[in-house]
N, C-alpha and C. Protein backbone atom coordinates (compact mmCIF):
# COMPACT_ATOMS: atom_id res chain seq x y z
N MET A 1 -17.74 22.35 -23.41
CA MET A 1 -18.93 22.18 -22.97
C MET A 1 -19.05 23.04 -21.38
N VAL A 2 -19.89 23.85 -21.02
CA VAL A 2 -19.75 24.60 -19.83
C VAL A 2 -21.19 23.87 -19.17
N PRO A 3 -20.83 22.90 -18.34
CA PRO A 3 -22.33 22.31 -17.61
C PRO A 3 -23.12 23.40 -17.14
N ARG A 4 -24.40 23.12 -17.11
CA ARG A 4 -25.34 23.92 -16.28
C ARG A 4 -26.16 23.37 -15.30
N THR A 5 -25.95 22.20 -15.14
CA THR A 5 -26.23 21.19 -14.03
C THR A 5 -25.45 20.54 -13.33
N LYS A 6 -25.56 19.70 -12.30
CA LYS A 6 -25.00 19.02 -11.60
C LYS A 6 -24.69 17.56 -12.56
N GLU A 7 -25.58 16.95 -13.35
CA GLU A 7 -25.50 16.01 -14.00
C GLU A 7 -24.57 16.36 -15.50
N GLU A 8 -24.97 17.31 -15.78
CA GLU A 8 -23.85 17.89 -16.91
C GLU A 8 -22.58 17.73 -16.59
N LEU A 9 -22.22 18.36 -15.46
CA LEU A 9 -21.02 18.17 -14.72
C LEU A 9 -20.28 17.01 -14.54
N ARG A 10 -21.12 16.15 -13.79
CA ARG A 10 -21.00 14.84 -13.53
C ARG A 10 -20.55 13.81 -14.87
N LYS A 11 -21.29 14.16 -15.94
CA LYS A 11 -20.96 13.73 -17.25
C LYS A 11 -19.48 14.14 -17.62
N LEU A 12 -19.55 15.34 -17.84
CA LEU A 12 -18.09 15.90 -18.16
C LEU A 12 -16.86 15.51 -17.56
N VAL A 13 -17.01 15.33 -16.11
CA VAL A 13 -15.92 14.78 -15.32
C VAL A 13 -15.98 12.97 -15.78
N SER A 14 -17.08 12.47 -15.87
CA SER A 14 -16.93 11.12 -16.21
C SER A 14 -16.07 10.69 -17.46
N GLU A 15 -16.78 11.57 -18.48
CA GLU A 15 -15.94 11.36 -19.54
C GLU A 15 -14.78 11.71 -19.45
N THR A 16 -14.48 12.80 -18.97
CA THR A 16 -12.60 12.99 -19.04
C THR A 16 -11.93 12.02 -18.12
N THR A 17 -12.46 11.40 -17.09
CA THR A 17 -11.78 10.72 -16.37
C THR A 17 -11.43 9.33 -17.02
N ILE A 18 -12.71 8.98 -17.91
CA ILE A 18 -12.49 7.51 -18.72
C ILE A 18 -10.95 7.97 -19.93
N GLU A 19 -11.29 9.09 -20.50
CA GLU A 19 -10.19 9.73 -21.32
C GLU A 19 -9.02 9.82 -20.89
N MET A 20 -8.64 10.20 -19.77
CA MET A 20 -7.30 10.43 -19.03
C MET A 20 -7.00 8.92 -18.72
N TYR A 21 -7.51 8.04 -18.19
CA TYR A 21 -7.09 6.94 -17.82
C TYR A 21 -6.59 6.09 -19.00
N GLU A 22 -7.44 6.00 -20.04
CA GLU A 22 -7.26 5.22 -21.25
C GLU A 22 -5.65 6.05 -21.68
N GLU A 23 -5.69 7.28 -21.57
CA GLU A 23 -4.81 7.89 -22.30
C GLU A 23 -3.22 7.68 -21.61
N MET A 24 -3.31 7.30 -20.04
CA MET A 24 -2.16 7.20 -19.42
C MET A 24 -1.86 6.04 -19.04
N THR A 25 -2.53 5.15 -19.35
CA THR A 25 -2.55 3.74 -19.33
C THR A 25 -1.22 3.05 -19.69
N PRO A 26 -0.91 3.55 -21.00
CA PRO A 26 0.17 2.58 -21.59
C PRO A 26 1.31 3.03 -20.84
N GLN A 27 1.70 3.88 -20.30
CA GLN A 27 2.74 4.52 -19.53
C GLN A 27 3.03 3.79 -18.45
N LEU A 28 1.71 3.59 -17.40
CA LEU A 28 1.99 2.83 -16.23
C LEU A 28 2.11 1.60 -16.73
N ILE A 29 1.69 0.89 -17.78
CA ILE A 29 2.03 -0.63 -18.18
C ILE A 29 3.43 -0.78 -18.40
N LYS A 30 3.96 0.24 -19.07
CA LYS A 30 5.30 0.23 -19.28
C LYS A 30 6.07 0.24 -17.93
N LEU A 31 5.89 1.21 -17.26
CA LEU A 31 6.54 0.94 -16.11
C LEU A 31 6.63 0.06 -15.25
N ILE A 32 5.45 -0.64 -14.73
CA ILE A 32 5.04 -1.80 -14.50
C ILE A 32 5.92 -3.07 -14.90
N ASP A 33 6.18 -3.06 -16.18
CA ASP A 33 6.68 -4.22 -17.05
C ASP A 33 8.27 -4.08 -16.90
N GLU A 34 8.73 -2.78 -16.66
CA GLU A 34 10.21 -2.50 -16.36
C GLU A 34 10.55 -3.06 -15.15
N THR A 35 9.81 -2.42 -14.18
CA THR A 35 9.89 -3.04 -12.68
C THR A 35 10.04 -4.44 -12.49
N LYS A 36 8.85 -5.23 -13.23
CA LYS A 36 8.83 -6.68 -13.25
C LYS A 36 10.10 -7.67 -13.61
N HIS A 37 10.68 -6.81 -14.66
CA HIS A 37 12.02 -7.35 -15.23
C HIS A 37 13.36 -6.59 -14.78
N ASP A 38 13.22 -5.81 -13.56
CA ASP A 38 14.40 -5.37 -13.30
C ASP A 38 15.05 -6.64 -12.01
N ASP A 39 16.11 -7.18 -12.63
CA ASP A 39 16.74 -7.85 -11.91
C ASP A 39 17.14 -7.79 -10.82
N SER A 40 17.43 -6.24 -10.53
CA SER A 40 18.36 -5.84 -9.46
C SER A 40 17.59 -5.51 -8.08
N LEU A 41 16.27 -6.07 -8.12
CA LEU A 41 15.18 -5.63 -7.04
C LEU A 41 14.55 -7.11 -6.84
N THR A 42 14.30 -6.87 -5.43
CA THR A 42 13.74 -8.03 -4.89
C THR A 42 12.14 -8.16 -5.42
N GLU A 43 11.58 -9.25 -4.97
CA GLU A 43 10.34 -9.24 -5.28
C GLU A 43 9.41 -8.33 -4.26
N ALA A 44 10.13 -8.12 -3.05
CA ALA A 44 9.18 -7.15 -2.27
C ALA A 44 9.54 -5.66 -2.66
N GLN A 45 10.53 -5.75 -3.56
CA GLN A 45 10.85 -4.20 -3.69
C GLN A 45 10.26 -3.57 -5.16
N LYS A 46 10.18 -4.90 -5.89
CA LYS A 46 9.12 -4.95 -7.03
C LYS A 46 7.70 -4.53 -6.58
N GLN A 47 7.44 -5.16 -5.71
CA GLN A 47 5.87 -5.02 -5.28
C GLN A 47 5.83 -3.56 -4.90
N ASP A 48 6.75 -3.02 -3.98
CA ASP A 48 6.61 -1.61 -3.55
C ASP A 48 6.79 -0.52 -4.78
N GLU A 49 7.83 -0.97 -5.40
CA GLU A 49 7.84 -0.10 -7.02
C GLU A 49 6.49 0.09 -7.83
N ILE A 50 5.77 -1.11 -7.66
CA ILE A 50 4.58 -1.07 -8.62
C ILE A 50 3.50 -0.39 -7.75
N SER A 51 3.53 -0.44 -6.31
CA SER A 51 2.56 0.39 -5.81
C SER A 51 2.54 1.51 -5.99
N LEU A 52 4.20 2.23 -5.91
CA LEU A 52 4.37 3.75 -5.95
C LEU A 52 3.94 4.07 -7.35
N HIS A 53 4.08 3.36 -8.57
CA HIS A 53 3.25 3.85 -9.74
C HIS A 53 2.11 3.77 -9.78
N LEU A 54 1.32 2.91 -9.34
CA LEU A 54 0.37 3.07 -9.45
C LEU A 54 -0.34 4.24 -8.53
N MET A 55 0.12 4.51 -7.46
CA MET A 55 -0.10 5.89 -6.78
C MET A 55 0.12 6.94 -7.58
N GLY A 56 0.90 7.01 -8.23
CA GLY A 56 1.76 8.39 -9.09
C GLY A 56 0.95 8.39 -10.22
N TYR A 57 0.46 7.07 -10.72
CA TYR A 57 -0.51 7.34 -11.84
C TYR A 57 -1.87 7.51 -11.53
N THR A 58 -2.44 7.31 -10.33
CA THR A 58 -3.76 7.97 -9.92
C THR A 58 -3.74 9.30 -9.72
N LYS A 59 -2.63 9.84 -9.22
CA LYS A 59 -2.62 11.31 -8.87
C LYS A 59 -2.34 12.00 -10.31
N ALA A 60 -1.44 11.44 -11.05
CA ALA A 60 -1.41 12.15 -12.51
C ALA A 60 -2.80 12.20 -13.26
N CYS A 61 -3.59 11.12 -12.99
CA CYS A 61 -4.82 10.98 -13.78
C CYS A 61 -5.68 12.14 -13.19
N THR A 62 -5.85 12.29 -11.81
CA THR A 62 -6.49 13.06 -10.94
C THR A 62 -6.20 14.48 -11.57
N ASN A 63 -5.12 14.87 -11.20
CA ASN A 63 -4.55 16.24 -11.77
C ASN A 63 -4.85 16.62 -13.12
N GLU A 64 -4.77 15.72 -13.99
CA GLU A 64 -4.96 16.17 -15.75
C GLU A 64 -6.69 16.10 -15.61
N ILE A 65 -7.48 15.41 -14.85
CA ILE A 65 -8.97 15.47 -15.05
C ILE A 65 -9.25 16.86 -14.81
N ILE A 66 -8.60 17.27 -13.49
CA ILE A 66 -9.14 18.70 -12.64
C ILE A 66 -8.91 19.47 -13.76
N ILE A 67 -7.50 19.55 -14.45
CA ILE A 67 -7.43 20.51 -15.12
C ILE A 67 -7.88 20.60 -16.63
N GLU A 68 -8.20 19.45 -17.06
CA GLU A 68 -8.93 19.40 -18.50
C GLU A 68 -10.81 19.89 -17.89
N VAL A 69 -11.15 19.32 -17.05
CA VAL A 69 -12.50 19.89 -16.48
C VAL A 69 -12.54 21.29 -16.29
N LEU A 70 -11.84 21.73 -15.80
CA LEU A 70 -11.39 23.30 -15.22
C LEU A 70 -11.58 24.13 -16.80
N ALA A 71 -10.30 23.48 -17.42
CA ALA A 71 -10.16 24.37 -18.71
C ALA A 71 -11.42 24.57 -19.97
N GLN A 72 -11.93 23.33 -19.81
CA GLN A 72 -13.47 23.44 -20.46
C GLN A 72 -14.47 24.16 -20.06
N ILE A 73 -14.47 24.15 -18.67
CA ILE A 73 -15.71 24.98 -17.98
C ILE A 73 -15.27 26.50 -18.08
N LEU A 74 -13.85 27.00 -17.98
CA LEU A 74 -13.59 28.32 -18.29
C LEU A 74 -13.11 28.76 -19.56
N ASN A 75 -13.26 27.61 -20.53
CA ASN A 75 -12.95 27.98 -21.72
C ASN A 75 -11.53 28.45 -22.19
N LEU A 76 -10.49 27.79 -21.38
CA LEU A 76 -9.13 27.98 -21.56
C LEU A 76 -8.52 27.19 -22.74
N GLU A 77 -7.39 27.23 -23.45
CA GLU A 77 -6.87 26.84 -24.28
C GLU A 77 -5.81 25.94 -23.78
């Protein structure tokens, strides 16, 4: 779908955002679970690691959203 209005673009971005976050959430949950059960880390280190996982997840999702939306607009495979 090539959006013709801001509203169509907004809809495309919103739909892609939901899709990407849902697709990538299982990976985040796995990383957080592994970190929580890592006995070599202190509680503070675990929280730091989880924060890094969350930042990386957000960045990865954002990148994928941008790529997917641009690919659709530019009709790229």
